[in-house]
Amino acid sequence: LVVCTKNDVKGAKNYKRMKIQLRNELDKLRKVDHALNESSVSGDGNSNGSSKVMLSVKGKTIDLDNLGSDVPVSLHFVEAGFGMDGVKGGLAAIHDFVLEAVV
């Protein structure tokens, strides 16, 4: 569960924008990691002691809504703020997730 807080504050970014920013940062890290792994592969094709497992993602960007069948987790984004009582989401969505694992 990814909780985007302070959404009741004027000028705050909504969960869709936060999802885009998170995806962009993960893509940057994946590209850097890929470049480092490429440079650490020895001439015979073996890595130099790296046992790290990377998130295998097909395509150019990570799809946070569908991480793949080999990834045993899913991400859920909710907006929260103390001024959001009547809005779907907020503290009620966090409460429901904690108690029932439902978003």
C-alpha atoms as a PDB file:
ATOM      1  CA  LEU A   1       0.000   0.000   0.000  1.00  0.00           C
ATOM      2  CA  VAL A   2       1.429   3.350  -1.040  1.00  0.00           C
ATOM      3  CA  VAL A   3      -0.222   6.204   0.850  1.00  0.00           C
ATOM      4  CA  CYS A   4      -0.007   9.672  -0.684  1.00  0.00           C
ATOM      5  CA  THR A   5      -0.534  11.996   2.255  1.00  0.00           C
ATOM      6  CA  LYS A   6      -1.437  15.669   2.562  1.00  0.00           C
ATOM      7  CA  ASN A   7      -3.858  15.473  -0.336  1.00  0.00           C
ATOM      8  CA  ASP A   8      -6.172  17.812   1.528  1.00  0.00           C
ATOM      9  CA  VAL A   9      -3.560  20.591   1.162  1.00  0.00           C
ATOM     10  CA  LYS A  10      -3.935  22.977  -1.762  1.00  0.00           C
ATOM     11  CA  GLY A  11      -1.388  22.260  -4.498  1.00  0.00           C
ATOM     12  CA  ALA A  12      -0.689  18.674  -3.405  1.00  0.00           C
ATOM     13  CA  LYS A  13      -0.101  16.106  -6.139  1.00  0.00           C
ATOM     14  CA  ASN A  14      -2.648  13.330  -6.488  1.00  0.00           C
ATOM     15  CA  TYR A  15      -1.852   9.611  -6.391  1.00  0.00           C
ATOM     16  CA  LYS A  16      -1.666   9.355 -10.199  1.00  0.00           C
ATOM     17  CA  ARG A  17       1.146  11.911 -10.314  1.00  0.00           C
ATOM     18  CA  MET A  18       2.938  10.186  -7.446  1.00  0.00           C
ATOM     19  CA  LYS A  19       2.657   6.863  -9.269  1.00  0.00           C
ATOM     20  CA  ILE A  20       4.249   8.420 -12.368  1.00  0.00           C
ATOM     21  CA  GLN A  21       7.084   9.890 -10.304  1.00  0.00           C
ATOM     22  CA  LEU A  22       7.717   6.570  -8.536  1.00  0.00           C
ATOM     23  CA  ARG A  23       7.722   4.704 -11.849  1.00  0.00           C
ATOM     24  CA  ASN A  24      10.188   7.205 -13.341  1.00  0.00           C
ATOM     25  CA  GLU A  25      12.557   6.859 -10.371  1.00  0.00           C
ATOM     26  CA  LEU A  26      12.402   3.051 -10.509  1.00  0.00           C
ATOM     27  CA  ASP A  27      13.127   3.166 -14.245  1.00  0.00           C
ATOM     28  CA  LYS A  28      16.187   5.353 -13.611  1.00  0.00           C
ATOM     29  CA  LEU A  29      17.458   2.928 -10.965  1.00  0.00           C
ATOM     30  CA  ARG A  30      16.843  -0.040 -13.249  1.00  0.00           C
ATOM     31  CA  LYS A  31      18.814   1.601 -16.082  1.00  0.00           C
ATOM     32  CA  VAL A  32      21.735   2.445 -13.789  1.00  0.00           C
ATOM     33  CA  ASP A  33      21.694  -1.071 -12.337  1.00  0.00           C
ATOM     34  CA  HIS A  34      21.615  -2.578 -15.822  1.00  0.00           C
ATOM     35  CA  ALA A  35      24.567  -0.426 -16.909  1.00  0.00           C
ATOM     36  CA  LEU A  36      26.545  -1.409 -13.806  1.00  0.00           C
ATOM     37  CA  ASN A  37      25.821  -5.096 -14.397  1.00  0.00           C
ATOM     38  CA  GLU A  38      26.885  -4.782 -18.028  1.00  0.00           C
ATOM     39  CA  SER A  39      30.197  -3.239 -16.991  1.00  0.00           C
ATOM     40  CA  SER A  40      30.827  -5.863 -14.290  1.00  0.00           C
ATOM     41  CA  VAL A  41      30.377  -8.887 -16.578  1.00  0.00           C
ATOM     42  CA  SER A  42      33.706 -10.526 -17.298  1.00  0.00           C
ATOM     43  CA  GLY A  43      34.841 -11.468 -20.790  1.00  0.00           C
ATOM     44  CA  ASP A  44      33.574 -15.062 -20.448  1.00  0.00           C
ATOM     45  CA  GLY A  45      30.023 -13.877 -19.736  1.00  0.00           C
ATOM     46  CA  ASN A  46      30.062 -14.503 -15.986  1.00  0.00           C
ATOM     47  CA  SER A  47      29.357 -11.799 -13.469  1.00  0.00           C
ATOM     48  CA  ASN A  48      31.970 -10.905 -10.907  1.00  0.00           C
ATOM     49  CA  GLY A  49      30.308 -12.268  -7.762  1.00  0.00           C
ATOM     50  CA  SER A  50      27.010 -10.418  -8.043  1.00  0.00           C
ATOM     51  CA  SER A  51      24.099 -12.345  -6.513  1.00  0.00           C
ATOM     52  CA  LYS A  52      21.562  -9.535  -6.803  1.00  0.00           C
ATOM     53  CA  VAL A  53      18.210 -10.287  -8.421  1.00  0.00           C
ATOM     54  CA  MET A  54      16.740  -7.583 -10.641  1.00  0.00           C
ATOM     55  CA  LEU A  55      13.060  -7.022 -11.310  1.00  0.00           C
ATOM     56  CA  SER A  56      12.566  -8.475 -14.760  1.00  0.00           C
ATOM     57  CA  VAL A  57      10.490  -5.996 -16.706  1.00  0.00           C
ATOM     58  CA  LYS A  58       9.607  -6.307 -20.354  1.00  0.00           C
ATOM     59  CA  GLY A  59       9.388  -3.066 -22.254  1.00  0.00           C
ATOM     60  CA  LYS A  60      10.781   0.356 -21.595  1.00  0.00           C
ATOM     61  CA  THR A  61       9.029   1.273 -18.343  1.00  0.00           C
ATOM     62  CA  ILE A  62       7.837  -0.525 -15.245  1.00  0.00           C
ATOM     63  CA  ASP A  63       4.080  -1.077 -15.104  1.00  0.00           C
ATOM     64  CA  LEU A  64       3.222  -0.556 -11.426  1.00  0.00           C
ATOM     65  CA  ASP A  65      -0.291  -1.914 -11.996  1.00  0.00           C
ATOM     66  CA  ASN A  66       1.035  -5.231 -13.327  1.00  0.00           C
ATOM     67  CA  LEU A  67       4.514  -6.146 -12.093  1.00  0.00           C
ATOM     68  CA  GLY A  68       4.322  -9.591 -13.685  1.00  0.00           C
ATOM     69  CA  SER A  69       3.293 -13.086 -12.730  1.00  0.00           C
ATOM     70  CA  ASP A  70       6.682 -13.842 -11.148  1.00  0.00           C
ATOM     71  CA  VAL A  71       6.350 -10.940  -8.658  1.00  0.00           C
ATOM     72  CA  PRO A  72       4.268 -11.995  -5.630  1.00  0.00           C
ATOM     73  CA  VAL A  73       3.142  -8.480  -4.650  1.00  0.00           C
ATOM     74  CA  SER A  74       0.856  -5.806  -6.001  1.00  0.00           C
ATOM     75  CA  LEU A  75       0.933  -2.081  -5.364  1.00  0.00           C
ATOM     76  CA  HIS A  76      -2.114  -0.080  -4.319  1.00  0.00           C
ATOM     77  CA  PHE A  77      -2.108   3.709  -4.158  1.00  0.00           C
ATOM     78  CA  VAL A  78      -4.479   5.698  -1.930  1.00  0.00           C
ATOM     79  CA  GLU A  79      -4.741   9.366  -1.097  1.00  0.00           C
ATOM     80  CA  ALA A  80      -4.982  10.430   2.532  1.00  0.00           C
ATOM     81  CA  GLY A  81      -5.373  13.620   4.473  1.00  0.00           C
ATOM     82  CA  PHE A  82      -7.275  14.700   7.545  1.00  0.00           C
ATOM     83  CA  GLY A  83      -9.556  16.916   5.451  1.00  0.00           C
ATOM     84  CA  MET A  84     -10.699  14.040   3.234  1.00  0.00           C
ATOM     85  CA  ASP A  85     -13.388  12.488   5.453  1.00  0.00           C
ATOM     86  CA  GLY A  86     -16.118  12.378   2.806  1.00  0.00           C
ATOM     87  CA  VAL A  87     -13.835  11.282  -0.025  1.00  0.00           C
ATOM     88  CA  LYS A  88     -13.346   7.636  -1.060  1.00  0.00           C
ATOM     89  CA  GLY A  89      -9.891   6.806   0.223  1.00  0.00           C
ATOM     90  CA  GLY A  90      -8.183   8.625   3.022  1.00  0.00           C
ATOM     91  CA  LEU A  91      -7.892   7.076   6.457  1.00  0.00           C
ATOM     92  CA  ALA A  92     -10.849   4.741   5.809  1.00  0.00           C
ATOM     93  CA  ALA A  93      -8.974   3.112   2.908  1.00  0.00           C
ATOM     94  CA  ILE A  94      -5.893   2.608   5.090  1.00  0.00           C
ATOM     95  CA  HIS A  95      -8.042   1.150   7.875  1.00  0.00           C
ATOM     96  CA  ASP A  96      -9.751  -1.267   5.450  1.00  0.00           C
ATOM     97  CA  PHE A  97      -6.421  -2.355   3.982  1.00  0.00           C
ATOM     98  CA  VAL A  98      -4.889  -3.062   7.375  1.00  0.00           C
ATOM     99  CA  LEU A  99      -7.890  -5.013   8.652  1.00  0.00           C
ATOM    100  CA  GLU A 100      -9.013  -6.799   5.494  1.00  0.00           C
ATOM    101  CA  ALA A 101      -6.237  -6.333   2.898  1.00  0.00           C
ATOM    102  CA  VAL A 102      -8.808  -4.664   0.635  1.00  0.00           C
ATOM    103  CA  VAL A 103      -8.402  -1.366  -1.167  1.00  0.00           C
END
